[in-house]
């Protein structure tokens, strides 16, 4: 009789564990962004396997630090998540962002790859629902697009700052509220003596998704 009771207790515990795991998985897949994240092809997100992705979503949903080990043995952390986008610190020197963008007939997957060192430098790739790159791809704006006009400095000073900006790069991110694409100039590599003037000269650009392309918003500042 004692062995039977022990066996019954084990079955109950196993059943409860399975139910709990099933509920967690069901919660993840009920969220479109969660399901998309888990099924991102490995050639697009090779650093995190499926178990790590599931763990990160589970932890984030329970307001815990959403970290998991990546294939390099380091820790990746999900730093931001909404119903349509999230951001992950993949390694100490890289970030990975995903946003779901609506289209008339389907959903577009927009992925930002960012290298953080020595300065933030991003590229974005737009994929269709089968994770094939779209014919349309967003092109990074020229540095001059970030200049305030009229120029706040003399022509001579502007020439010096323009030379500084040849060492700078552009970083991208998604607005968690609107999924707008935000572009900024990363001035980490610029001379320290010129940083204050560069901050006064430059402003971020905001691009709204129209359903087919990213269009520069009139009020980018």
C-alpha atoms as a PDB file:
ATOM      1  CA  UNK A   1       0.000   0.000   0.000  1.00  0.00           C
ATOM      2  CA  UNK A   2       2.845   2.364   0.819  1.00  0.00           C
ATOM      3  CA  UNK A   3       4.489   1.862  -2.584  1.00  0.00           C
ATOM      4  CA  UNK A   4       1.141   2.533  -4.263  1.00  0.00           C
ATOM      5  CA  UNK A   5       0.725   5.828  -2.390  1.00  0.00           C
ATOM      6  CA  UNK A   6       4.257   6.858  -3.275  1.00  0.00           C
ATOM      7  CA  UNK A   7       3.634   6.068  -6.939  1.00  0.00           C
ATOM      8  CA  UNK A   8       0.363   8.034  -6.891  1.00  0.00           C
ATOM      9  CA  UNK A   9       2.141  11.018  -5.335  1.00  0.00           C
ATOM     10  CA  UNK A  10       4.827  10.905  -8.015  1.00  0.00           C
ATOM     11  CA  UNK A  11       2.192  10.806 -10.752  1.00  0.00           C
ATOM     12  CA  UNK A  12       0.420  13.820  -9.237  1.00  0.00           C
ATOM     13  CA  UNK A  13       3.674  15.788  -9.072  1.00  0.00           C
ATOM     14  CA  UNK A  14       4.579  14.834 -12.637  1.00  0.00           C
ATOM     15  CA  UNK A  15       1.116  15.826 -13.834  1.00  0.00           C
ATOM     16  CA  UNK A  16       1.324  19.172 -12.022  1.00  0.00           C
ATOM     17  CA  UNK A  17       4.780  19.838 -13.504  1.00  0.00           C
ATOM     18  CA  UNK A  18       3.569  19.002 -17.021  1.00  0.00           C
ATOM     19  CA  UNK A  19       0.519  21.232 -16.619  1.00  0.00           C
ATOM     20  CA  UNK A  20       2.698  24.095 -15.388  1.00  0.00           C
ATOM     21  CA  UNK A  21       5.114  23.693 -18.314  1.00  0.00           C
ATOM     22  CA  UNK A  22       2.223  23.478 -20.768  1.00  0.00           C
ATOM     23  CA  UNK A  23       0.718  26.689 -19.373  1.00  0.00           C
ATOM     24  CA  UNK A  24       4.038  28.500 -19.722  1.00  0.00           C
ATOM     25  CA  UNK A  25       4.503  27.379 -23.322  1.00  0.00           C
ATOM     26  CA  UNK A  26       0.889  28.236 -24.150  1.00  0.00           C
ATOM     27  CA  UNK A  27       1.396  31.718 -22.686  1.00  0.00           C
ATOM     28  CA  UNK A  28       4.504  32.256 -24.805  1.00  0.00           C
ATOM     29  CA  UNK A  29       2.894  31.134 -28.041  1.00  0.00           C
ATOM     30  CA  UNK A  30      -0.255  33.143 -27.341  1.00  0.00           C
ATOM     31  CA  UNK A  31       1.908  36.256 -27.811  1.00  0.00           C
ATOM     32  CA  UNK A  32       2.744  36.854 -31.509  1.00  0.00           C
ATOM     33  CA  UNK A  33       6.113  38.403 -30.694  1.00  0.00           C
ATOM     34  CA  UNK A  34       6.969  35.470 -28.427  1.00  0.00           C
ATOM     35  CA  UNK A  35       6.123  32.902 -31.076  1.00  0.00           C
ATOM     36  CA  UNK A  36       8.076  34.767 -33.746  1.00  0.00           C
ATOM     37  CA  UNK A  37      11.125  35.072 -31.480  1.00  0.00           C
ATOM     38  CA  UNK A  38      11.179  31.367 -30.693  1.00  0.00           C
ATOM     39  CA  UNK A  39      10.998  30.462 -34.391  1.00  0.00           C
ATOM     40  CA  UNK A  40      13.572  32.915 -35.768  1.00  0.00           C
ATOM     41  CA  UNK A  41      15.825  30.808 -38.039  1.00  0.00           C
ATOM     42  CA  UNK A  42      19.192  29.940 -36.567  1.00  0.00           C
ATOM     43  CA  UNK A  43      21.067  31.617 -39.426  1.00  0.00           C
ATOM     44  CA  UNK A  44      19.424  34.911 -38.423  1.00  0.00           C
ATOM     45  CA  UNK A  45      19.766  34.472 -34.640  1.00  0.00           C
ATOM     46  CA  UNK A  46      22.469  31.868 -34.113  1.00  0.00           C
ATOM     47  CA  UNK A  47      23.594  33.039 -30.691  1.00  0.00           C
ATOM     48  CA  UNK A  48      20.479  31.767 -28.858  1.00  0.00           C
ATOM     49  CA  UNK A  49      19.011  28.275 -29.153  1.00  0.00           C
ATOM     50  CA  UNK A  50      15.294  27.580 -28.645  1.00  0.00           C
ATOM     51  CA  UNK A  51      15.634  26.650 -24.951  1.00  0.00           C
ATOM     52  CA  UNK A  52      17.402  29.927 -24.206  1.00  0.00           C
ATOM     53  CA  UNK A  53      14.731  31.892 -26.046  1.00  0.00           C
ATOM     54  CA  UNK A  54      11.910  30.156 -24.163  1.00  0.00           C
ATOM     55  CA  UNK A  55      13.672  30.790 -20.841  1.00  0.00           C
ATOM     56  CA  UNK A  56      14.118  34.500 -21.590  1.00  0.00           C
ATOM     57  CA  UNK A  57      10.458  35.043 -22.488  1.00  0.00           C
ATOM     58  CA  UNK A  58       9.309  33.086 -19.440  1.00  0.00           C
ATOM     59  CA  UNK A  59      11.517  35.091 -17.070  1.00  0.00           C
ATOM     60  CA  UNK A  60      10.543  38.437 -18.612  1.00  0.00           C
ATOM     61  CA  UNK A  61       6.835  37.640 -18.340  1.00  0.00           C
ATOM     62  CA  UNK A  62       7.325  36.971 -14.623  1.00  0.00           C
ATOM     63  CA  UNK A  63       9.156  40.284 -14.092  1.00  0.00           C
ATOM     64  CA  UNK A  64      12.463  38.538 -13.494  1.00  0.00           C
ATOM     65  CA  UNK A  65      15.811  39.274 -15.106  1.00  0.00           C
ATOM     66  CA  UNK A  66      15.359  37.691 -18.527  1.00  0.00           C
ATOM     67  CA  UNK A  67      18.805  36.235 -19.101  1.00  0.00           C
ATOM     68  CA  UNK A  68      19.993  32.971 -20.594  1.00  0.00           C
ATOM     69  CA  UNK A  69      23.274  31.439 -21.674  1.00  0.00           C
ATOM     70  CA  UNK A  70      24.180  31.900 -25.327  1.00  0.00           C
ATOM     71  CA  UNK A  71      26.224  29.538 -27.491  1.00  0.00           C
ATOM     72  CA  UNK A  72      29.444  31.303 -26.443  1.00  0.00           C
ATOM     73  CA  UNK A  73      28.849  30.526 -22.768  1.00  0.00           C
ATOM     74  CA  UNK A  74      28.085  34.151 -21.905  1.00  0.00           C
ATOM     75  CA  UNK A  75      24.736  35.582 -20.875  1.00  0.00           C
ATOM     76  CA  UNK A  76      22.233  37.303 -23.146  1.00  0.00           C
ATOM     77  CA  UNK A  77      19.548  39.529 -21.617  1.00  0.00           C
ATOM     78  CA  UNK A  78      16.151  40.586 -22.918  1.00  0.00           C
ATOM     79  CA  UNK A  79      16.056  44.244 -21.899  1.00  0.00           C
ATOM     80  CA  UNK A  80      12.740  45.331 -23.404  1.00  0.00           C
ATOM     81  CA  UNK A  81       9.577  43.625 -24.643  1.00  0.00           C
ATOM     82  CA  UNK A  82       6.158  44.740 -25.871  1.00  0.00           C
ATOM     83  CA  UNK A  83       3.477  42.987 -27.903  1.00  0.00           C
ATOM     84  CA  UNK A  84       5.207  43.964 -31.130  1.00  0.00           C
ATOM     85  CA  UNK A  85       8.926  44.469 -30.440  1.00  0.00           C
ATOM     86  CA  UNK A  86      11.772  43.630 -28.123  1.00  0.00           C
ATOM     87  CA  UNK A  87      15.461  44.275 -27.599  1.00  0.00           C
ATOM     88  CA  UNK A  88      18.131  41.812 -26.511  1.00  0.00           C
ATOM     89  CA  UNK A  89      21.647  42.442 -25.282  1.00  0.00           C
ATOM     90  CA  UNK A  90      23.203  39.457 -27.054  1.00  0.00           C
ATOM     91  CA  UNK A  91      26.771  39.922 -25.847  1.00  0.00           C
ATOM     92  CA  UNK A  92      28.780  42.666 -24.194  1.00  0.00           C
ATOM     93  CA  UNK A  93      29.424  44.123 -27.635  1.00  0.00           C
ATOM     94  CA  UNK A  94      26.198  43.470 -29.560  1.00  0.00           C
ATOM     95  CA  UNK A  95      22.439  44.095 -29.463  1.00  0.00           C
ATOM     96  CA  UNK A  96      19.604  42.459 -31.436  1.00  0.00           C
ATOM     97  CA  UNK A  97      16.188  44.078 -31.934  1.00  0.00           C
ATOM     98  CA  UNK A  98      13.039  42.695 -33.533  1.00  0.00           C
ATOM     99  CA  UNK A  99       9.795  44.467 -34.464  1.00  0.00           C
ATOM    100  CA  UNK A 100       6.633  43.192 -36.127  1.00  0.00           C
ATOM    101  CA  UNK A 101       5.496  45.678 -38.771  1.00  0.00           C
ATOM    102  CA  UNK A 102       1.998  45.504 -40.288  1.00  0.00           C
ATOM    103  CA  UNK A 103       1.531  45.152 -44.013  1.00  0.00           C
ATOM    104  CA  UNK A 104      -1.694  44.966 -45.985  1.00  0.00           C
ATOM    105  CA  UNK A 105      -1.505  41.212 -46.571  1.00  0.00           C
ATOM    106  CA  UNK A 106       1.011  40.021 -43.990  1.00  0.00           C
ATOM    107  CA  UNK A 107       3.445  40.941 -41.231  1.00  0.00           C
ATOM    108  CA  UNK A 108       6.973  42.180 -41.823  1.00  0.00           C
ATOM    109  CA  UNK A 109       9.805  41.151 -39.495  1.00  0.00           C
ATOM    110  CA  UNK A 110      12.308  43.972 -38.986  1.00  0.00           C
ATOM    111  CA  UNK A 111      15.629  43.028 -37.387  1.00  0.00           C
ATOM    112  CA  UNK A 112      18.294  45.480 -36.235  1.00  0.00           C
ATOM    113  CA  UNK A 113      21.837  44.195 -35.752  1.00  0.00           C
ATOM    114  CA  UNK A 114      23.984  46.547 -33.657  1.00  0.00           C
ATOM    115  CA  UNK A 115      27.674  46.392 -32.786  1.00  0.00           C
ATOM    116  CA  UNK A 116      28.333  48.385 -29.605  1.00  0.00           C
ATOM    117  CA  UNK A 117      32.107  48.707 -29.649  1.00  0.00           C
ATOM    118  CA  UNK A 118      34.085  50.820 -30.329  1.00  0.00           C
ATOM    119  CA  UNK A 119      30.946  52.828 -31.243  1.00  0.00           C
ATOM    120  CA  UNK A 120      27.326  51.848 -31.889  1.00  0.00           C
ATOM    121  CA  UNK A 121      26.878  50.860 -35.508  1.00  0.00           C
ATOM    122  CA  UNK A 122      23.644  49.340 -36.819  1.00  0.00           C
ATOM    123  CA  UNK A 123      22.138  47.763 -39.886  1.00  0.00           C
ATOM    124  CA  UNK A 124      18.521  46.726 -40.397  1.00  0.00           C
ATOM    125  CA  UNK A 125      17.091  43.906 -42.508  1.00  0.00           C
ATOM    126  CA  UNK A 126      13.392  43.514 -43.378  1.00  0.00           C
ATOM    127  CA  UNK A 127      12.050  39.977 -43.842  1.00  0.00           C
ATOM    128  CA  UNK A 128       8.762  38.553 -45.050  1.00  0.00           C
ATOM    129  CA  UNK A 129       6.745  35.967 -43.081  1.00  0.00           C
ATOM    130  CA  UNK A 130       9.016  33.198 -44.419  1.00  0.00           C
ATOM    131  CA  UNK A 131      12.142  35.021 -43.260  1.00  0.00           C
ATOM    132  CA  UNK A 132      13.203  35.950 -46.777  1.00  0.00           C
ATOM    133  CA  UNK A 133      14.703  39.455 -47.245  1.00  0.00           C
ATOM    134  CA  UNK A 134      12.332  41.929 -48.875  1.00  0.00           C
ATOM    135  CA  UNK A 135      13.121  43.690 -52.126  1.00  0.00           C
ATOM    136  CA  UNK A 136      12.749  46.973 -50.212  1.00  0.00           C
ATOM    137  CA  UNK A 137      15.443  47.574 -47.605  1.00  0.00           C
ATOM    138  CA  UNK A 138      15.972  50.698 -45.495  1.00  0.00           C
ATOM    139  CA  UNK A 139      19.116  52.653 -46.352  1.00  0.00           C
ATOM    140  CA  UNK A 140      21.007  54.409 -43.581  1.00  0.00           C
ATOM    141  CA  UNK A 141      20.769  58.211 -43.916  1.00  0.00           C
ATOM    142  CA  UNK A 142      23.799  60.307 -44.778  1.00  0.00           C
ATOM    143  CA  UNK A 143      25.369  62.034 -41.776  1.00  0.00           C
ATOM    144  CA  UNK A 144      24.341  65.464 -43.130  1.00  0.00           C
ATOM    145  CA  UNK A 145      20.691  64.485 -42.649  1.00  0.00           C
ATOM    146  CA  UNK A 146      21.228  64.749 -38.893  1.00  0.00           C
ATOM    147  CA  UNK A 147      22.420  68.393 -39.015  1.00  0.00           C
ATOM    148  CA  UNK A 148      20.272  71.163 -37.568  1.00  0.00           C
ATOM    149  CA  UNK A 149      19.566  73.949 -40.035  1.00  0.00           C
ATOM    150  CA  UNK A 150      20.517  76.672 -40.280  1.00  0.00           C
ATOM    151  CA  UNK A 151      23.937  75.479 -39.148  1.00  0.00           C
ATOM    152  CA  UNK A 152      24.626  76.740 -35.601  1.00  0.00           C
ATOM    153  CA  UNK A 153      28.350  77.274 -36.278  1.00  0.00           C
ATOM    154  CA  UNK A 154      30.604  79.167 -38.657  1.00  0.00           C
ATOM    155  CA  UNK A 155      31.618  77.520 -41.952  1.00  0.00           C
ATOM    156  CA  UNK A 156      35.128  76.992 -40.600  1.00  0.00           C
ATOM    157  CA  UNK A 157      33.855  75.265 -37.467  1.00  0.00           C
ATOM    158  CA  UNK A 158      31.428  73.194 -39.516  1.00  0.00           C
ATOM    159  CA  UNK A 159      34.274  71.859 -41.635  1.00  0.00           C
ATOM    160  CA  UNK A 160      36.090  70.669 -38.520  1.00  0.00           C
ATOM    161  CA  UNK A 161      32.949  68.962 -37.177  1.00  0.00           C
ATOM    162  CA  UNK A 162      32.299  67.315 -40.534  1.00  0.00           C
ATOM    163  CA  UNK A 163      35.792  65.859 -40.416  1.00  0.00           C
ATOM    164  CA  UNK A 164      35.065  64.524 -36.917  1.00  0.00           C
ATOM    165  CA  UNK A 165      31.889  62.855 -38.148  1.00  0.00           C
ATOM    166  CA  UNK A 166      33.807  60.798 -40.707  1.00  0.00           C
ATOM    167  CA  UNK A 167      34.839  58.663 -37.734  1.00  0.00           C
ATOM    168  CA  UNK A 168      31.252  58.310 -36.491  1.00  0.00           C
ATOM    169  CA  UNK A 169      28.540  55.777 -37.268  1.00  0.00           C
ATOM    170  CA  UNK A 170      24.744  55.519 -37.144  1.00  0.00           C
ATOM    171  CA  UNK A 171      22.818  53.475 -34.578  1.00  0.00           C
ATOM    172  CA  UNK A 172      19.207  52.331 -34.930  1.00  0.00           C
ATOM    173  CA  UNK A 173      16.475  51.350 -32.493  1.00  0.00           C
ATOM    174  CA  UNK A 174      12.706  50.915 -32.389  1.00  0.00           C
ATOM    175  CA  UNK A 175      10.354  53.115 -30.405  1.00  0.00           C
ATOM    176  CA  UNK A 176       8.529  50.764 -27.987  1.00  0.00           C
ATOM    177  CA  UNK A 177       5.391  52.924 -28.205  1.00  0.00           C
ATOM    178  CA  UNK A 178       5.038  53.344 -31.986  1.00  0.00           C
ATOM    179  CA  UNK A 179       7.591  50.946 -33.558  1.00  0.00           C
ATOM    180  CA  UNK A 180       9.049  53.959 -35.338  1.00  0.00           C
ATOM    181  CA  UNK A 181      12.642  53.533 -36.444  1.00  0.00           C
ATOM    182  CA  UNK A 182      14.957  55.956 -34.634  1.00  0.00           C
ATOM    183  CA  UNK A 183      18.363  56.787 -36.109  1.00  0.00           C
ATOM    184  CA  UNK A 184      21.114  58.538 -34.155  1.00  0.00           C
ATOM    185  CA  UNK A 185      24.740  59.416 -34.781  1.00  0.00           C
ATOM    186  CA  UNK A 186      27.103  57.688 -32.403  1.00  0.00           C
ATOM    187  CA  UNK A 187      29.854  60.192 -31.577  1.00  0.00           C
ATOM    188  CA  UNK A 188      31.945  57.921 -29.336  1.00  0.00           C
ATOM    189  CA  UNK A 189      34.922  58.082 -31.694  1.00  0.00           C
ATOM    190  CA  UNK A 190      34.845  61.879 -32.088  1.00  0.00           C
ATOM    191  CA  UNK A 191      37.427  64.086 -30.319  1.00  0.00           C
ATOM    192  CA  UNK A 192      36.335  64.836 -26.779  1.00  0.00           C
ATOM    193  CA  UNK A 193      36.837  68.587 -27.241  1.00  0.00           C
ATOM    194  CA  UNK A 194      34.211  68.605 -30.006  1.00  0.00           C
ATOM    195  CA  UNK A 195      31.519  66.479 -28.351  1.00  0.00           C
ATOM    196  CA  UNK A 196      29.536  69.415 -26.944  1.00  0.00           C
ATOM    197  CA  UNK A 197      29.345  71.126 -30.345  1.00  0.00           C
ATOM    198  CA  UNK A 198      28.415  67.855 -32.051  1.00  0.00           C
ATOM    199  CA  UNK A 199      25.607  67.336 -29.566  1.00  0.00           C
ATOM    200  CA  UNK A 200      24.322  70.823 -30.421  1.00  0.00           C
ATOM    201  CA  UNK A 201      24.615  70.198 -34.163  1.00  0.00           C
ATOM    202  CA  UNK A 202      23.039  66.743 -34.396  1.00  0.00           C
ATOM    203  CA  UNK A 203      19.529  65.500 -33.737  1.00  0.00           C
ATOM    204  CA  UNK A 204      17.915  62.047 -34.083  1.00  0.00           C
ATOM    205  CA  UNK A 205      15.786  61.102 -37.067  1.00  0.00           C
ATOM    206  CA  UNK A 206      12.498  59.265 -36.716  1.00  0.00           C
ATOM    207  CA  UNK A 207      11.045  57.124 -39.495  1.00  0.00           C
ATOM    208  CA  UNK A 208       7.419  55.954 -39.480  1.00  0.00           C
ATOM    209  CA  UNK A 209       6.368  52.670 -41.061  1.00  0.00           C
ATOM    210  CA  UNK A 210       3.776  53.276 -43.797  1.00  0.00           C
ATOM    211  CA  UNK A 211       2.970  49.637 -44.496  1.00  0.00           C
ATOM    212  CA  UNK A 212       5.526  49.382 -47.296  1.00  0.00           C
ATOM    213  CA  UNK A 213       8.452  51.648 -46.419  1.00  0.00           C
ATOM    214  CA  UNK A 214       9.964  53.744 -43.654  1.00  0.00           C
ATOM    215  CA  UNK A 215       9.260  57.446 -44.227  1.00  0.00           C
ATOM    216  CA  UNK A 216      11.055  60.293 -42.465  1.00  0.00           C
ATOM    217  CA  UNK A 217       8.720  61.984 -39.998  1.00  0.00           C
ATOM    218  CA  UNK A 218       8.419  65.788 -40.395  1.00  0.00           C
ATOM    219  CA  UNK A 219       9.160  66.455 -36.717  1.00  0.00           C
ATOM    220  CA  UNK A 220      12.230  64.354 -36.096  1.00  0.00           C
ATOM    221  CA  UNK A 221      13.617  66.461 -33.238  1.00  0.00           C
END
